């Protein structure tokens, strides 16, 4: 089982979390016909990215920086109350 260190929680297994998407800004100039491809058809290439993770038992949100090539957690921040 994989584990990571989380603020306020300590070392927790990945299985306690629901991944809620990538924290990535929407492009400024997005034509109406380009919205669906941007949302649903983007290439998923291995890289470092920031994701929203939700801790199911405590209902806390976290920003997790993760390398998708190695599935390694590189950093975790607790989300502020005004972010979600």
C-alpha atoms as a PDB file:
ATOM      1  CA  UNK A   1       0.000   0.000   0.000  1.00  0.00           C
ATOM      2  CA  UNK A   2       1.229   3.536  -0.782  1.00  0.00           C
ATOM      3  CA  UNK A   3       1.404   6.234   1.902  1.00  0.00           C
ATOM      4  CA  UNK A   4       2.093   9.969   2.010  1.00  0.00           C
ATOM      5  CA  UNK A   5       2.464  12.597   4.742  1.00  0.00           C
ATOM      6  CA  UNK A   6      -0.480  15.007   5.035  1.00  0.00           C
ATOM      7  CA  UNK A   7      -0.790  18.185   7.134  1.00  0.00           C
ATOM      8  CA  UNK A   8      -3.080  17.685  10.159  1.00  0.00           C
ATOM      9  CA  UNK A   9      -3.292  13.918   9.430  1.00  0.00           C
ATOM     10  CA  UNK A  10       0.231  12.521   9.364  1.00  0.00           C
ATOM     11  CA  UNK A  11       1.065   9.439   7.312  1.00  0.00           C
ATOM     12  CA  UNK A  12      -2.072   8.192   5.527  1.00  0.00           C
ATOM     13  CA  UNK A  13      -2.689   5.542   2.834  1.00  0.00           C
ATOM     14  CA  UNK A  14      -3.779   6.668  -0.643  1.00  0.00           C
ATOM     15  CA  UNK A  15      -6.919   4.540  -0.270  1.00  0.00           C
ATOM     16  CA  UNK A  16      -8.410   7.061   2.198  1.00  0.00           C
ATOM     17  CA  UNK A  17      -8.547   9.725  -0.527  1.00  0.00           C
ATOM     18  CA  UNK A  18     -10.641  10.474  -3.564  1.00  0.00           C
ATOM     19  CA  UNK A  19      -8.770  12.203  -6.358  1.00  0.00           C
ATOM     20  CA  UNK A  20     -10.967  15.090  -7.496  1.00  0.00           C
ATOM     21  CA  UNK A  21      -9.117  16.391 -10.534  1.00  0.00           C
ATOM     22  CA  UNK A  22      -6.158  18.376 -11.730  1.00  0.00           C
ATOM     23  CA  UNK A  23      -5.611  21.903 -10.509  1.00  0.00           C
ATOM     24  CA  UNK A  24      -5.000  23.522 -13.869  1.00  0.00           C
ATOM     25  CA  UNK A  25      -6.246  26.931 -15.016  1.00  0.00           C
ATOM     26  CA  UNK A  26      -8.618  27.144 -17.950  1.00  0.00           C
ATOM     27  CA  UNK A  27      -7.097  28.849 -21.002  1.00  0.00           C
ATOM     28  CA  UNK A  28      -8.011  32.552 -21.277  1.00  0.00           C
ATOM     29  CA  UNK A  29      -9.127  32.449 -24.897  1.00  0.00           C
ATOM     30  CA  UNK A  30     -11.091  29.256 -25.421  1.00  0.00           C
ATOM     31  CA  UNK A  31     -13.425  29.205 -28.430  1.00  0.00           C
ATOM     32  CA  UNK A  32     -16.841  27.609 -27.763  1.00  0.00           C
ATOM     33  CA  UNK A  33     -16.076  24.676 -30.088  1.00  0.00           C
ATOM     34  CA  UNK A  34     -12.805  24.016 -28.191  1.00  0.00           C
ATOM     35  CA  UNK A  35     -14.338  23.652 -24.720  1.00  0.00           C
ATOM     36  CA  UNK A  36     -15.280  19.946 -24.972  1.00  0.00           C
ATOM     37  CA  UNK A  37     -11.892  18.847 -26.394  1.00  0.00           C
ATOM     38  CA  UNK A  38     -10.078  20.858 -23.703  1.00  0.00           C
ATOM     39  CA  UNK A  39     -12.123  19.197 -20.944  1.00  0.00           C
ATOM     40  CA  UNK A  40     -12.428  15.638 -22.279  1.00  0.00           C
ATOM     41  CA  UNK A  41      -9.763  14.949 -24.911  1.00  0.00           C
ATOM     42  CA  UNK A  42      -6.491  16.262 -23.503  1.00  0.00           C
ATOM     43  CA  UNK A  43      -3.455  14.033 -23.800  1.00  0.00           C
ATOM     44  CA  UNK A  44      -2.486  12.408 -20.553  1.00  0.00           C
ATOM     45  CA  UNK A  45       1.301  12.439 -20.631  1.00  0.00           C
ATOM     46  CA  UNK A  46       3.467  11.512 -17.652  1.00  0.00           C
ATOM     47  CA  UNK A  47       4.516  14.688 -15.879  1.00  0.00           C
ATOM     48  CA  UNK A  48       4.476  16.566 -12.610  1.00  0.00           C
ATOM     49  CA  UNK A  49       1.093  18.083 -11.804  1.00  0.00           C
ATOM     50  CA  UNK A  50      -0.997  19.414  -8.923  1.00  0.00           C
ATOM     51  CA  UNK A  51      -4.219  17.594  -8.049  1.00  0.00           C
ATOM     52  CA  UNK A  52      -7.106  18.007  -5.629  1.00  0.00           C
ATOM     53  CA  UNK A  53      -7.366  15.129  -3.152  1.00  0.00           C
ATOM     54  CA  UNK A  54     -10.267  14.743  -0.729  1.00  0.00           C
ATOM     55  CA  UNK A  55      -9.797  12.849   2.548  1.00  0.00           C
ATOM     56  CA  UNK A  56     -13.000  10.859   2.949  1.00  0.00           C
ATOM     57  CA  UNK A  57     -12.963  10.261   6.755  1.00  0.00           C
ATOM     58  CA  UNK A  58     -12.286  13.907   7.728  1.00  0.00           C
ATOM     59  CA  UNK A  59     -13.736  15.761   4.705  1.00  0.00           C
ATOM     60  CA  UNK A  60     -10.515  17.772   4.296  1.00  0.00           C
ATOM     61  CA  UNK A  61      -9.170  18.941   0.917  1.00  0.00           C
ATOM     62  CA  UNK A  62      -5.502  18.882  -0.092  1.00  0.00           C
ATOM     63  CA  UNK A  63      -3.403  20.063  -3.026  1.00  0.00           C
ATOM     64  CA  UNK A  64      -1.073  17.191  -3.906  1.00  0.00           C
ATOM     65  CA  UNK A  65       1.931  17.692  -6.204  1.00  0.00           C
ATOM     66  CA  UNK A  66       2.551  14.343  -7.868  1.00  0.00           C
ATOM     67  CA  UNK A  67       4.827  12.871 -10.536  1.00  0.00           C
ATOM     68  CA  UNK A  68       2.441  10.842 -12.685  1.00  0.00           C
ATOM     69  CA  UNK A  69       5.268   8.879 -14.337  1.00  0.00           C
ATOM     70  CA  UNK A  70       6.365   7.295 -11.055  1.00  0.00           C
ATOM     71  CA  UNK A  71       3.133   7.898  -9.075  1.00  0.00           C
ATOM     72  CA  UNK A  72       5.221   9.605  -6.408  1.00  0.00           C
ATOM     73  CA  UNK A  73       3.827  12.305  -4.132  1.00  0.00           C
ATOM     74  CA  UNK A  74       6.259  15.243  -4.176  1.00  0.00           C
ATOM     75  CA  UNK A  75       4.442  17.579  -1.824  1.00  0.00           C
ATOM     76  CA  UNK A  76       1.136  18.160  -0.010  1.00  0.00           C
ATOM     77  CA  UNK A  77      -0.591  21.357   1.149  1.00  0.00           C
ATOM     78  CA  UNK A  78      -3.813  21.689   3.085  1.00  0.00           C
ATOM     79  CA  UNK A  79      -6.400  23.663   1.127  1.00  0.00           C
ATOM     80  CA  UNK A  80      -7.739  26.853   2.630  1.00  0.00           C
ATOM     81  CA  UNK A  81     -11.468  27.044   3.313  1.00  0.00           C
ATOM     82  CA  UNK A  82     -12.088  29.529   0.496  1.00  0.00           C
ATOM     83  CA  UNK A  83     -10.559  27.365  -2.250  1.00  0.00           C
ATOM     84  CA  UNK A  84     -13.161  24.639  -2.689  1.00  0.00           C
END
